[in-house]
Protein backbone atom coordinates (compact mmCIF):
# COMPACT_ATOMS: atom_id res chain seq x y z
CA MET A 1 101.54 89.68 102.28
CA GLU A 2 102.17 86.38 103.68
CA ASN A 3 101.36 86.39 107.56
CA GLY A 4 98.48 88.84 107.67
CA LYS A 5 100.64 92.11 107.07
CA THR A 6 100.23 95.03 104.64
CA MET A 7 102.54 96.11 101.99
CA GLN A 8 103.68 98.65 104.76
CA GLU A 9 104.21 96.33 106.90
CA ASP A 10 106.31 94.23 105.01
CA ASP A 11 109.80 96.65 105.08
CA CYS A 12 110.94 95.94 101.69
CA GLN A 13 114.25 97.09 101.44
CA CYS A 14 114.34 97.54 97.31
CA PRO A 15 115.41 100.37 95.35
CA GLU A 16 111.77 100.14 93.95
CA CYS A 17 110.01 100.36 97.08
CA ALA A 18 112.34 103.14 97.87
CA ARG A 19 111.91 105.26 94.76
CA ARG A 20 108.30 104.82 94.82
CA ALA A 21 108.00 105.81 99.44
CA GLU A 22 109.88 109.29 97.91
CA GLU A 23 107.65 110.00 95.00
CA HIS A 24 104.75 108.95 97.16
CA VAL A 25 106.14 111.84 100.41
CA GLU A 26 106.80 114.44 97.20
CA SER A 27 103.40 114.15 95.68
CA GLU A 28 102.09 114.48 98.70
CA THR A 29 104.34 117.68 100.12
CA PHE A 30 103.21 118.70 97.14
CA GLY A 31 99.80 118.31 97.50
CA LEU A 32 99.76 120.00 101.40
CA ALA A 33 101.38 122.78 98.96
CA VAL A 34 99.14 123.94 96.87
CA LEU A 35 95.93 123.68 99.55
CA ILE A 36 97.81 125.89 102.10
CA ALA A 37 97.86 128.40 99.09
CA LEU A 38 94.45 127.51 98.28
CA MET A 39 93.10 129.04 102.17
CA PRO A 40 92.68 132.56 101.32
CA ILE A 41 91.22 132.37 98.21
CA MET A 42 88.93 129.76 99.27
CA THR A 43 88.11 131.97 102.30
CA LEU A 44 88.22 135.42 100.73
CA THR A 45 86.44 133.37 98.45
CA LEU A 46 83.53 132.11 100.75
CA PHE A 47 83.65 135.48 103.00
CA GLY A 48 81.98 137.27 100.25
CA HIS A 49 79.82 135.21 99.04
CA ILE A 50 78.35 135.18 102.47
CA GLY A 51 78.07 138.76 102.71
CA LEU A 52 81.39 139.45 105.45
CA LEU A 53 82.85 141.71 103.13
């Protein structure tokens, strides 16, 4: 983190950083998939509560 760089700007190529980056991508992908899967349930619940169904 010298010269005002953040960890992402350092472009570390060590195996530990590569593994962390891969886990981060997998985690984001799974989280997005869960949110997309829950959208219909949340939408139907909302519309049911406000009387549109």
